[in-house]
Amino acid sequence: MPRPAAGAYLEKRMKHDIENLTDMTDAEFRAALARVGDWVATYRAKAGSAPVLSRIAPGDIEKAMPVDPPTQGDSVESWLKDLEEIILPGITHW
């Protein structure tokens, strides 16, 4: 089966996320937000030592993503792991 375009995936994922906003309590949301803030601070601290150019081929990120969004929300740790292992290697750090 052919993969949908990245835009279609994101649109489907956003619709799913908007329909399921009640999957976290306010306290869980605050904890997740703090964890993301910690990740951003760590990234900023090490960004200067990151490779300048992408380390992967065009299309590798899309190939690494699932065809369909998950039926239930992923944990913050899970998507931060994906960010580190899938997305970040494709980033150009200037």
Protein backbone atom coordinates (compact mmCIF):
# COMPACT_ATOMS: atom_id res chain seq x y z
CA MET A 1 0.00 0.00 0.00
CA PRO A 2 1.46 3.43 -0.90
CA ARG A 3 2.28 5.79 1.94
CA PRO A 4 0.12 8.89 2.27
CA ALA A 5 1.83 12.23 1.82
CA ALA A 6 3.36 13.70 4.98
CA GLY A 7 0.72 16.46 4.93
CA ALA A 8 -2.09 13.90 4.97
CA TYR A 9 -0.46 12.09 7.90
CA LEU A 10 -0.10 15.31 9.88
CA GLU A 11 -3.67 16.37 9.13
CA LYS A 12 -4.98 13.00 10.30
CA ARG A 13 -2.77 13.13 13.41
CA MET A 14 -3.85 16.66 14.32
CA LYS A 15 -7.53 15.77 13.93
CA HIS A 16 -7.00 12.76 16.20
CA ASP A 17 -5.13 14.83 18.79
CA ILE A 18 -7.76 17.58 18.86
CA GLU A 19 -10.52 15.02 19.37
CA ASN A 20 -8.62 13.42 22.28
CA LEU A 21 -7.48 16.37 24.36
CA THR A 22 -8.76 14.85 27.59
CA ASP A 23 -6.11 12.13 27.77
CA MET A 24 -4.02 14.14 30.32
CA THR A 25 -4.88 15.73 33.57
CA ASP A 26 -3.68 19.28 34.18
CA ALA A 27 -0.91 17.93 36.43
CA GLU A 28 0.21 15.45 33.77
CA PHE A 29 0.18 18.22 31.17
CA ARG A 30 2.35 20.43 33.39
CA ALA A 31 4.79 17.56 33.94
CA ALA A 32 4.94 16.85 30.20
CA LEU A 33 5.49 20.54 29.47
CA ALA A 34 8.32 20.63 32.01
CA ARG A 35 9.90 17.56 30.40
CA VAL A 36 9.72 19.18 26.96
CA GLY A 37 11.23 22.36 28.40
CA ASP A 38 14.10 20.30 29.83
CA TRP A 39 14.63 18.68 26.43
CA VAL A 40 14.75 22.08 24.70
CA ALA A 41 17.25 23.43 27.24
CA THR A 42 19.47 20.36 26.77
CA TYR A 43 19.23 20.67 22.99
CA ARG A 44 20.23 24.34 23.12
CA ALA A 45 23.20 23.52 25.34
CA LYS A 46 24.55 20.91 22.90
CA ALA A 47 23.39 22.42 19.57
CA GLY A 48 26.81 23.95 18.93
CA SER A 49 28.38 20.50 18.84
CA ALA A 50 25.72 18.98 16.56
CA PRO A 51 26.68 18.16 12.95
CA VAL A 52 25.91 21.08 10.66
CA LEU A 53 24.44 18.99 7.85
CA SER A 54 21.72 16.37 7.92
CA ARG A 55 23.06 12.86 8.43
CA ILE A 56 20.26 11.08 6.59
CA ALA A 57 18.94 10.82 3.05
CA PRO A 58 15.86 12.69 1.81
CA GLY A 59 12.74 10.69 2.66
CA ASP A 60 14.27 8.77 5.58
CA ILE A 61 12.21 10.61 8.19
CA GLU A 62 8.95 9.95 6.37
CA LYS A 63 9.89 6.27 5.94
CA ALA A 64 10.57 5.98 9.68
CA MET A 65 7.14 7.35 10.63
CA PRO A 66 4.10 5.09 10.90
CA VAL A 67 1.60 5.16 8.05
CA ASP A 68 -1.29 5.82 10.44
CA PRO A 69 -1.35 7.76 13.69
CA PRO A 70 -1.56 5.73 16.89
CA THR A 71 -5.00 4.92 18.19
CA GLN A 72 -3.96 6.23 21.60
CA GLY A 73 -1.62 9.07 22.48
CA ASP A 74 2.05 8.31 22.87
CA SER A 75 3.93 9.26 26.00
CA VAL A 76 6.04 12.40 25.99
CA GLU A 77 9.11 10.21 26.48
CA SER A 78 8.17 8.18 23.41
CA TRP A 79 7.87 11.16 21.13
CA LEU A 80 10.99 12.82 22.56
CA LYS A 81 12.80 9.56 21.74
CA ASP A 82 11.45 9.75 18.17
CA LEU A 83 12.56 13.38 18.01
CA GLU A 84 16.11 12.40 19.05
CA GLU A 85 16.39 9.26 16.93
CA ILE A 86 14.32 10.08 13.83
CA ILE A 87 13.88 13.82 13.43
CA LEU A 88 17.08 15.34 14.82
CA PRO A 89 19.45 13.39 12.51
CA GLY A 90 17.67 15.09 9.59
CA ILE A 91 18.02 18.61 10.92
CA THR A 92 20.53 21.10 9.53
CA HIS A 93 22.09 22.88 12.51
CA TRP A 94 23.35 26.34 11.54
